[in-house]
Amino acid sequence: MRSFLLIILGFVLALTASAFAQETSGKTDPQAIGDLRIATGQKDIASAWLIAPTTRYPHFIIGSKYEPSGLRVKLANGKVLTLMLDKDQVFEDRTPRLADLNGDGRDEIILVLTSLTKGASLAAYSVAGDKLVLTAKTDFIGRAFRWLNPAGIADYDGDGRLDVALVQKPHLVKRLEMWSLEDGKFVRSQSIDDVSNHRINSKNTDMAASADFNGDGIVDLAILSGNYTKVRVFSFAGGRAKEIGRFDLPAPADGDFTLVRFAQGWQLRVPLLNIADYALNLAL
């Protein structure tokens, strides 16, 4: 009788898990954060989103009075996986980024992982069997209430591998850094001062844009100057950082960048402080 009951219980649990996997999405997840941004992928991960808002780290640099403490993904096969952080960490982020950083044909999930005592780091997670695991991370900044903000993911130097651009302490140091995943570790290759991609307490975290602006076949990065009044455009072709454009704005930038492609090139639309958006044609 006991064996029969265990079989029935296992069957019920399997059905429940299957139903959860089929019905769960970021939009219907009761644990999803309020500032929900769902990443979608075409490889092993179909979608990813952040969950479990907590107030245990009162930095709140991204505008809302919480930080996510968990990550949930839905795989291409329909299975749902969840990762919950330890009590001394949060995701100081809103946007899971899906990209195959190591070239194995599967996506990593790139996020800002923050220690309550040591500040932020760049972290990459991946799927290992039925679990989400930490693949690699940079060192924590070293002090609480210090943050970094990713600016883009692309093959910026043209070597065939994806790189992660980020701004280290976008309100203080304002340093652009380029990182890549090599042999399971993040390695920094570039560093440029006087840039930013975020204003304090703003929910707008995408004040940068990536595209081939100069037509050399390699992706470039457009990002703000440290005082938000200029757009700076950088090429990293061949592993060499070069500023290929600098454009004055009529007022400080105050929102996420939008790129529009035209026959003659790219137009960058930049929300400005207290006035209408500014359209900047990038023909370099």
Protein backbone atom coordinates (compact mmCIF):
# COMPACT_ATOMS: atom_id res chain seq x y z
CA MET A 1 0.00 0.00 0.00
CA ARG A 2 2.79 2.39 0.93
CA SER A 3 4.59 1.73 -2.36
CA PHE A 4 1.38 2.39 -4.25
CA LEU A 5 0.89 5.72 -2.44
CA LEU A 6 4.48 6.73 -3.20
CA ILE A 7 3.95 5.97 -6.88
CA ILE A 8 0.76 8.06 -6.91
CA LEU A 9 2.52 10.92 -5.09
CA GLY A 10 5.40 10.87 -7.55
CA PHE A 11 2.96 10.92 -10.46
CA VAL A 12 1.12 13.92 -9.00
CA LEU A 13 4.37 15.81 -8.39
CA ALA A 14 5.51 15.11 -11.94
CA LEU A 15 2.23 16.41 -13.34
CA THR A 16 2.47 19.51 -11.14
CA ALA A 17 6.02 20.22 -12.27
CA SER A 18 5.02 19.73 -15.90
CA ALA A 19 2.06 22.08 -15.56
CA PHE A 20 4.26 24.68 -13.84
CA ALA A 21 6.79 24.51 -16.65
CA GLN A 22 4.10 24.89 -19.31
CA GLU A 23 2.29 27.79 -17.65
CA THR A 24 5.17 29.75 -16.14
CA SER A 25 6.52 32.74 -18.00
CA GLY A 26 7.91 36.03 -16.85
CA LYS A 27 4.58 37.77 -17.40
CA THR A 28 2.63 35.26 -15.29
CA ASP A 29 5.26 34.56 -12.62
CA PRO A 30 3.98 35.81 -9.23
CA GLN A 31 7.60 36.13 -8.02
CA ALA A 32 8.69 38.35 -10.93
CA ILE A 33 10.07 41.77 -10.08
CA GLY A 34 8.01 44.89 -10.72
CA ASP A 35 10.40 46.36 -13.31
CA LEU A 36 10.13 43.19 -15.35
CA ARG A 37 12.39 42.81 -18.38
CA ILE A 38 12.28 39.39 -20.04
CA ALA A 39 15.24 38.26 -22.11
CA THR A 40 14.50 35.86 -24.98
CA GLY A 41 16.95 33.49 -26.65
CA GLN A 42 17.23 31.15 -29.62
CA LYS A 43 19.56 28.53 -28.11
CA ASP A 44 19.17 26.40 -24.98
CA ILE A 45 17.43 29.18 -23.02
CA ALA A 46 14.08 30.42 -24.32
CA SER A 47 13.61 33.21 -21.77
CA ALA A 48 15.02 34.56 -18.52
CA TRP A 49 13.81 37.03 -15.90
CA LEU A 50 14.57 38.23 -12.38
CA ILE A 51 12.48 37.32 -9.34
CA ALA A 52 12.12 37.64 -5.57
CA PRO A 53 12.53 41.37 -4.82
CA THR A 54 14.21 42.10 -1.50
CA THR A 55 15.12 45.20 0.53
CA ARG A 56 18.16 43.65 2.21
CA TYR A 57 20.58 45.85 0.21
CA PRO A 58 19.35 49.46 0.47
CA HIS A 59 21.43 50.94 -2.33
CA PHE A 60 18.48 51.22 -4.77
CA ILE A 61 20.64 52.85 -7.42
CA ILE A 62 18.24 51.80 -10.23
CA GLY A 63 15.29 53.73 -8.86
CA SER A 64 13.06 51.10 -7.24
CA LYS A 65 13.15 50.28 -3.52
CA TYR A 66 14.22 46.66 -3.98
CA GLU A 67 16.77 44.42 -5.67
CA PRO A 68 16.11 40.97 -7.16
CA SER A 69 17.39 37.98 -5.19
CA GLY A 70 16.67 35.26 -7.73
CA LEU A 71 16.83 34.29 -11.39
CA ARG A 72 14.38 32.13 -13.33
CA VAL A 73 14.78 30.73 -16.83
CA LYS A 74 12.61 28.74 -19.17
CA LEU A 75 14.60 26.36 -21.35
CA ALA A 76 13.91 25.62 -24.99
CA ASN A 77 12.53 22.21 -23.91
CA GLY A 78 9.99 23.92 -21.61
CA LYS A 79 11.70 23.14 -18.32
CA VAL A 80 11.84 25.96 -15.76
CA LEU A 81 14.93 26.45 -13.58
CA THR A 82 15.35 28.77 -10.61
CA LEU A 83 18.40 30.12 -8.83
CA MET A 84 18.12 31.88 -5.47
CA LEU A 85 21.07 33.87 -4.16
CA ASP A 86 22.60 33.57 -0.72
CA LYS A 87 21.41 36.08 1.87
CA ASP A 88 24.56 38.19 1.46
CA GLN A 89 24.01 38.85 -2.26
CA VAL A 90 21.51 40.45 -4.66
CA PHE A 91 21.26 41.05 -8.38
CA GLU A 92 21.73 44.80 -8.73
CA ASP A 93 20.17 44.61 -12.15
CA ARG A 94 16.86 44.44 -14.02
CA THR A 95 17.87 42.83 -17.32
CA PRO A 96 19.20 39.30 -17.81
CA ARG A 97 21.38 39.32 -20.94
CA LEU A 98 21.62 36.14 -23.02
CA ALA A 99 24.82 35.62 -25.01
CA ASP A 100 27.17 32.76 -25.86
CA LEU A 101 30.36 34.19 -24.35
CA ASN A 102 32.48 31.03 -24.57
CA GLY A 103 31.42 29.80 -28.01
CA ASP A 104 29.99 26.47 -26.86
CA GLY A 105 26.67 26.98 -28.65
CA ARG A 106 24.75 27.66 -25.42
CA ASP A 107 23.88 30.98 -23.89
CA GLU A 108 25.25 32.41 -20.69
CA ILE A 109 23.10 34.74 -18.59
CA ILE A 110 25.01 37.93 -17.83
CA LEU A 111 24.00 39.92 -14.74
CA VAL A 112 25.31 42.35 -12.15
CA LEU A 113 25.88 40.29 -8.99
CA THR A 114 26.36 42.35 -5.83
CA SER A 115 27.74 41.48 -2.42
CA LEU A 116 26.12 43.31 0.48
CA THR A 117 29.59 44.16 1.82
CA LYS A 118 31.84 44.23 -1.27
CA GLY A 119 29.74 45.86 -3.98
CA ALA A 120 29.06 44.81 -7.55
CA SER A 121 30.64 42.36 -10.00
CA LEU A 122 29.96 41.15 -13.53
CA ALA A 123 28.66 37.57 -13.43
CA ALA A 124 27.81 34.92 -16.02
CA TYR A 125 25.52 31.96 -15.27
CA SER A 126 24.79 28.89 -17.38
CA VAL A 127 22.65 25.78 -17.42
CA ALA A 128 24.29 22.63 -16.05
CA GLY A 129 21.88 19.70 -16.10
CA ASP A 130 18.87 20.76 -14.05
CA LYS A 131 20.62 23.68 -12.36
CA LEU A 132 21.72 27.24 -12.99
CA VAL A 133 25.36 27.65 -12.00
CA LEU A 134 27.82 30.52 -11.78
CA THR A 135 30.21 30.18 -14.72
CA ALA A 136 32.47 33.17 -14.08
CA LYS A 137 32.54 36.55 -12.36
CA THR A 138 34.81 39.52 -12.00
CA ASP A 139 36.05 40.52 -8.58
CA PHE A 140 33.61 42.47 -6.46
CA ILE A 141 34.47 46.18 -6.52
CA GLY A 142 35.52 45.87 -2.88
CA ARG A 143 33.14 48.20 -1.08
CA ALA A 144 29.39 48.24 -0.43
CA PHE A 145 27.22 50.64 -2.46
CA ARG A 146 29.56 50.60 -5.44
CA TRP A 147 28.03 49.53 -8.74
CA LEU A 148 28.78 48.78 -12.38
CA ASN A 149 26.46 48.90 -15.38
CA PRO A 150 26.85 46.76 -18.53
CA ALA A 151 26.86 48.82 -21.73
CA GLY A 152 26.72 46.16 -24.44
CA ILE A 153 27.66 42.68 -25.60
CA ALA A 154 29.19 42.21 -29.05
CA ASP A 155 32.38 41.21 -30.83
CA TYR A 156 33.90 44.66 -30.45
CA ASP A 157 37.47 43.77 -31.47
CA GLY A 158 36.66 41.48 -34.40
CA ASP A 159 38.32 38.34 -33.03
CA GLY A 160 35.17 36.21 -33.37
CA ARG A 161 34.35 36.15 -29.65
CA LEU A 162 31.78 38.21 -27.78
CA ASP A 163 32.96 40.90 -25.38
CA VAL A 164 31.12 42.61 -22.54
CA ALA A 165 31.38 46.39 -22.28
CA LEU A 166 30.60 47.87 -18.87
CA VAL A 167 30.99 51.11 -16.98
CA GLN A 168 32.70 50.77 -13.65
CA LYS A 169 31.05 53.08 -11.08
CA PRO A 170 29.15 55.22 -13.64
CA HIS A 171 28.53 58.02 -11.09
CA LEU A 172 32.01 58.12 -9.54
CA VAL A 173 34.95 56.65 -11.48
CA LYS A 174 33.07 56.65 -14.82
CA ARG A 175 35.40 54.16 -16.50
CA LEU A 176 34.51 52.09 -19.55
CA GLU A 177 35.95 48.56 -19.46
CA MET A 178 35.93 45.71 -21.96
CA TRP A 179 35.81 42.12 -20.68
CA SER A 180 35.84 38.72 -22.39
CA LEU A 181 35.52 35.16 -21.15
CA GLU A 182 38.76 33.23 -21.59
CA ASP A 183 39.33 29.73 -20.21
CA GLY A 184 36.39 30.12 -17.85
CA LYS A 185 37.51 33.49 -16.43
CA PHE A 186 36.66 37.10 -17.20
CA VAL A 187 39.68 39.00 -18.56
CA ARG A 188 39.79 42.78 -19.02
CA SER A 189 41.29 44.08 -22.25
CA GLN A 190 40.39 47.80 -22.45
CA SER A 191 39.83 50.75 -20.10
CA ILE A 192 38.71 54.31 -21.00
CA ASP A 193 37.93 57.16 -18.61
CA ASP A 194 35.21 59.83 -18.66
CA VAL A 195 32.21 57.79 -19.76
CA SER A 196 28.87 56.96 -18.16
CA ASN A 197 25.70 55.08 -19.06
CA HIS A 198 23.47 55.79 -16.07
CA ARG A 199 22.16 58.63 -13.94
CA ILE A 200 21.75 58.12 -10.19
CA ASN A 201 18.38 56.61 -9.20
CA SER A 202 17.23 56.31 -12.81
CA LYS A 203 15.47 53.22 -14.13
CA ASN A 204 17.11 53.87 -17.52
CA THR A 205 20.11 51.55 -17.70
CA ASP A 206 20.59 51.44 -21.50
CA MET A 207 22.30 54.76 -22.20
CA ALA A 208 24.62 53.18 -24.78
CA ALA A 209 24.25 51.53 -28.18
CA SER A 210 26.26 49.10 -30.29
CA ALA A 211 26.48 48.92 -34.10
CA ASP A 212 29.00 49.17 -36.93
CA PHE A 213 28.96 52.96 -37.14
CA ASN A 214 32.05 53.43 -39.33
CA GLY A 215 31.36 50.64 -41.83
CA ASP A 216 34.48 48.57 -41.17
CA GLY A 217 32.49 45.41 -40.45
CA ILE A 218 33.17 45.47 -36.68
CA VAL A 219 30.74 46.62 -34.01
CA ASP A 220 31.44 49.98 -32.33
CA LEU A 221 30.09 51.46 -29.09
CA ALA A 222 28.27 54.78 -28.63
CA ILE A 223 28.11 55.94 -25.03
CA LEU A 224 27.85 59.14 -23.00
CA SER A 225 30.62 61.31 -21.67
CA GLY A 226 30.96 61.44 -17.91
CA ASN A 227 28.89 64.64 -17.66
CA TYR A 228 26.12 63.31 -19.97
CA THR A 229 26.49 66.20 -22.47
CA LYS A 230 28.30 64.37 -25.28
CA VAL A 231 27.98 61.11 -27.17
CA ARG A 232 31.36 59.41 -27.57
CA VAL A 233 31.81 56.67 -30.18
CA PHE A 234 34.57 54.11 -29.84
CA SER A 235 36.07 51.47 -32.12
CA PHE A 236 37.95 48.53 -30.64
CA ALA A 237 38.89 46.92 -33.96
CA GLY A 238 42.00 44.79 -33.74
CA GLY A 239 42.04 45.16 -29.96
CA ARG A 240 42.93 48.86 -30.09
CA ALA A 241 40.61 51.42 -28.50
CA LYS A 242 40.06 54.53 -30.62
CA GLU A 243 37.54 57.34 -30.27
CA ILE A 244 36.07 57.77 -33.77
CA GLY A 245 33.42 60.36 -32.96
CA ARG A 246 32.35 62.87 -30.33
CA PHE A 247 29.07 64.77 -30.57
CA ASP A 248 27.73 67.57 -28.39
CA LEU A 249 24.17 67.31 -27.14
CA PRO A 250 21.96 70.41 -26.69
CA ALA A 251 21.16 69.29 -23.12
CA PRO A 252 22.26 66.47 -20.78
CA ALA A 253 21.05 63.02 -21.76
CA ASP A 254 18.37 61.52 -19.54
CA GLY A 255 17.13 58.23 -20.99
CA ASP A 256 17.80 55.01 -22.85
CA PHE A 257 19.32 55.20 -26.32
CA THR A 258 17.39 53.99 -29.37
CA LEU A 259 19.05 53.07 -32.68
CA VAL A 260 17.30 53.41 -36.05
CA ARG A 261 18.85 52.12 -39.28
CA PHE A 262 18.54 54.16 -42.46
CA ALA A 263 19.95 53.57 -45.94
CA GLN A 264 22.68 56.12 -45.31
CA GLY A 265 23.62 54.84 -41.85
CA TRP A 266 22.49 54.93 -38.24
CA GLN A 267 20.46 57.45 -36.31
CA LEU A 268 20.85 57.53 -32.54
CA ARG A 269 17.89 58.92 -30.58
CA VAL A 270 18.81 60.29 -27.18
CA PRO A 271 16.22 61.44 -24.59
CA LEU A 272 17.33 64.76 -23.11
CA LEU A 273 16.73 66.37 -19.73
CA ASN A 274 13.52 68.44 -19.77
CA ILE A 275 13.33 68.74 -23.57
CA ALA A 276 12.45 66.59 -26.57
CA ASP A 277 14.54 63.64 -27.75
CA TYR A 278 17.56 64.45 -29.88
CA ALA A 279 18.26 62.63 -33.15
CA LEU A 280 21.93 62.20 -33.96
CA ASN A 281 23.02 60.85 -37.34
CA LEU A 282 26.12 58.69 -36.97
CA ALA A 283 27.91 58.58 -40.30
CA LEU A 284 31.57 58.06 -39.42
